[in-house]
Protein backbone atom coordinates (compact mmCIF):
# COMPACT_ATOMS: atom_id res chain seq x y z
CA MET A 1 -18.72 10.11 80.45
CA SER A 2 -19.02 6.33 80.19
CA SER A 3 -20.80 4.75 77.24
CA ILE A 4 -24.32 3.41 77.66
CA PHE A 5 -22.83 -0.11 77.56
CA THR A 6 -20.42 0.61 80.40
CA GLN A 7 -23.29 2.14 82.37
CA ILE A 8 -25.28 -1.09 81.90
CA ARG A 9 -22.29 -3.19 82.99
CA ASN A 10 -21.86 -0.99 86.06
CA LYS A 11 -25.60 -1.29 86.80
CA GLN A 12 -26.05 2.47 86.56
CA ILE A 13 -28.87 1.91 84.07
CA PRO A 14 -31.02 -1.19 83.46
CA GLY A 15 -29.91 -3.92 81.11
CA ILE A 16 -29.89 -7.70 80.91
CA ILE A 17 -26.36 -9.04 81.18
CA PHE A 18 -25.94 -12.59 79.85
CA ASP A 19 -22.24 -13.07 80.51
CA ASP A 20 -19.21 -11.19 81.81
CA ASN A 21 -15.68 -12.59 81.87
CA GLY A 22 -13.95 -9.51 83.27
CA GLU A 23 -12.75 -8.31 79.87
CA PHE A 24 -15.89 -8.62 77.72
CA PHE A 25 -19.59 -8.79 78.51
CA VAL A 26 -22.80 -9.72 76.74
CA ILE A 27 -26.18 -7.99 76.83
CA HIS A 28 -29.47 -8.40 74.98
CA THR A 29 -30.02 -5.43 72.68
CA ASN A 30 -32.94 -3.06 73.23
CA ASN A 31 -33.68 -3.11 69.49
CA PRO A 32 -33.61 -6.82 68.59
CA ALA A 33 -33.95 -8.40 65.18
CA GLN A 34 -34.82 -11.66 66.98
CA LEU A 35 -35.11 -12.99 70.50
CA GLY A 36 -31.52 -13.71 71.47
CA HIS A 37 -30.05 -10.74 69.58
CA LEU A 38 -27.02 -10.21 71.78
CA LEU A 39 -24.23 -7.64 71.86
CA VAL A 40 -20.69 -8.69 72.77
CA ILE A 41 -18.82 -5.71 74.18
CA PRO A 42 -15.25 -5.19 75.38
CA TYR A 43 -14.74 -3.33 78.65
CA GLN A 44 -12.34 -1.07 76.77
CA GLU A 45 -14.28 1.86 75.32
CA VAL A 46 -13.03 2.16 71.76
CA ASP A 47 -15.16 3.49 68.90
CA ASN A 48 -13.71 1.44 66.01
CA ILE A 49 -13.11 -2.31 66.23
CA PHE A 50 -9.89 -1.97 64.24
CA ASP A 51 -8.51 0.42 66.85
CA LEU A 52 -8.49 -2.34 69.49
CA ASP A 53 -5.00 -3.55 70.32
CA HIS A 54 -3.97 -6.84 68.71
CA ASP A 55 -4.53 -9.05 71.78
CA THR A 56 -7.90 -7.55 72.69
CA TYR A 57 -9.09 -7.82 69.08
CA HIS A 58 -8.27 -11.54 68.91
CA LYS A 59 -9.61 -12.28 72.39
CA LEU A 60 -12.85 -10.52 71.39
CA TRP A 61 -13.32 -12.87 68.43
CA ASP A 62 -12.52 -15.93 70.55
CA TYR A 63 -15.16 -14.78 73.05
CA VAL A 64 -17.64 -14.05 70.22
CA LYS A 65 -17.15 -17.61 68.97
CA MET A 66 -17.78 -19.11 72.42
CA ILE A 67 -20.89 -16.98 73.01
CA SER A 68 -22.17 -17.73 69.48
CA GLN A 69 -21.89 -21.48 70.01
CA LYS A 70 -23.79 -21.27 73.28
CA LEU A 71 -26.45 -18.98 71.77
CA ARG A 72 -26.94 -21.27 68.77
CA HIS A 73 -27.40 -24.28 71.06
CA ILE A 74 -29.87 -22.52 73.38
CA THR A 75 -31.96 -20.92 70.62
CA GLU A 76 -31.73 -23.99 68.37
CA SER A 77 -31.13 -21.65 65.45
CA HIS A 78 -29.60 -22.74 62.16
CA LYS A 79 -26.83 -20.12 62.35
CA ILE A 80 -25.73 -17.06 64.28
CA GLY A 81 -25.36 -13.97 62.13
CA ILE A 82 -22.65 -11.47 63.02
CA GLN A 83 -22.75 -7.73 62.44
CA VAL A 84 -20.32 -4.98 63.41
CA GLU A 85 -21.38 -1.43 62.65
CA GLY A 86 -21.27 0.75 65.77
CA LEU A 87 -22.85 3.88 64.34
CA GLU A 88 -25.27 4.53 67.20
CA VAL A 89 -23.01 3.88 70.20
CA PRO A 90 -19.30 4.82 69.92
CA HIS A 91 -18.17 1.72 71.83
CA VAL A 92 -17.17 -1.44 69.93
CA HIS A 93 -19.88 -4.10 69.98
CA VAL A 94 -20.54 -7.22 67.93
CA HIS A 95 -24.15 -8.14 67.18
CA LEU A 96 -24.99 -11.86 67.38
CA ILE A 97 -28.36 -12.70 65.86
CA PRO A 98 -29.97 -16.15 65.76
CA ILE A 99 -31.02 -16.79 62.16
CA ASN A 100 -32.97 -19.51 60.40
CA LYS A 101 -33.91 -17.84 57.11
CA SER A 102 -33.02 -14.93 54.88
CA GLY A 103 -34.13 -11.65 56.42
CA ASP A 104 -33.79 -12.76 60.06
CA MET A 105 -30.99 -10.24 60.62
CA LEU A 106 -33.08 -7.26 59.60
CA VAL A 107 -33.67 -5.06 62.62
CA THR A 108 -37.32 -4.13 62.46
CA SER A 109 -37.88 -3.45 66.15
CA LYS A 110 -39.44 -6.78 67.01
CA ASP A 111 -41.73 -6.55 70.02
CA ILE A 112 -40.14 -9.11 72.32
CA ASN A 113 -41.39 -9.12 75.88
CA SER A 114 -38.92 -8.93 78.73
CA ASP A 115 -40.14 -12.26 80.19
CA SER A 116 -38.87 -14.04 77.06
CA ILE A 117 -35.52 -12.28 77.36
CA TYR A 118 -35.19 -13.20 81.06
CA GLN A 119 -36.08 -16.84 80.30
CA LEU A 120 -33.38 -16.91 77.62
CA GLN A 121 -30.91 -15.33 80.03
CA GLN A 122 -31.63 -18.02 82.63
CA LYS A 123 -30.94 -20.76 80.07
CA PHE A 124 -27.77 -18.96 79.07
CA ILE A 125 -26.28 -18.67 82.55
CA GLN A 126 -27.02 -22.28 83.54
């Protein structure tokens, strides 16, 4: 069975896709630390980031950098925090979290309405 991320990419279940380059895609997480808390996900379903082949691993980080720069500009955040853990979903994903102060990366189930996420998505895809 496909991972929840692949199901979102294939539009089998709802999700807000911010970008898709045919090899990697970006969604807004359902459990955000901040508005703009994005997940960068390879199409390839691999559980551990270090099990990605050499080329995919390096392309992933190039894509993460590009998405991070765009996210930082749009959110006007001081920095973009990066986290890789992957304990809940066995499909590699990199968390990108806009941060301005210590503690901004803590996931405390912020109540962010979907209108705010859609507005951010529209800025992102312009």
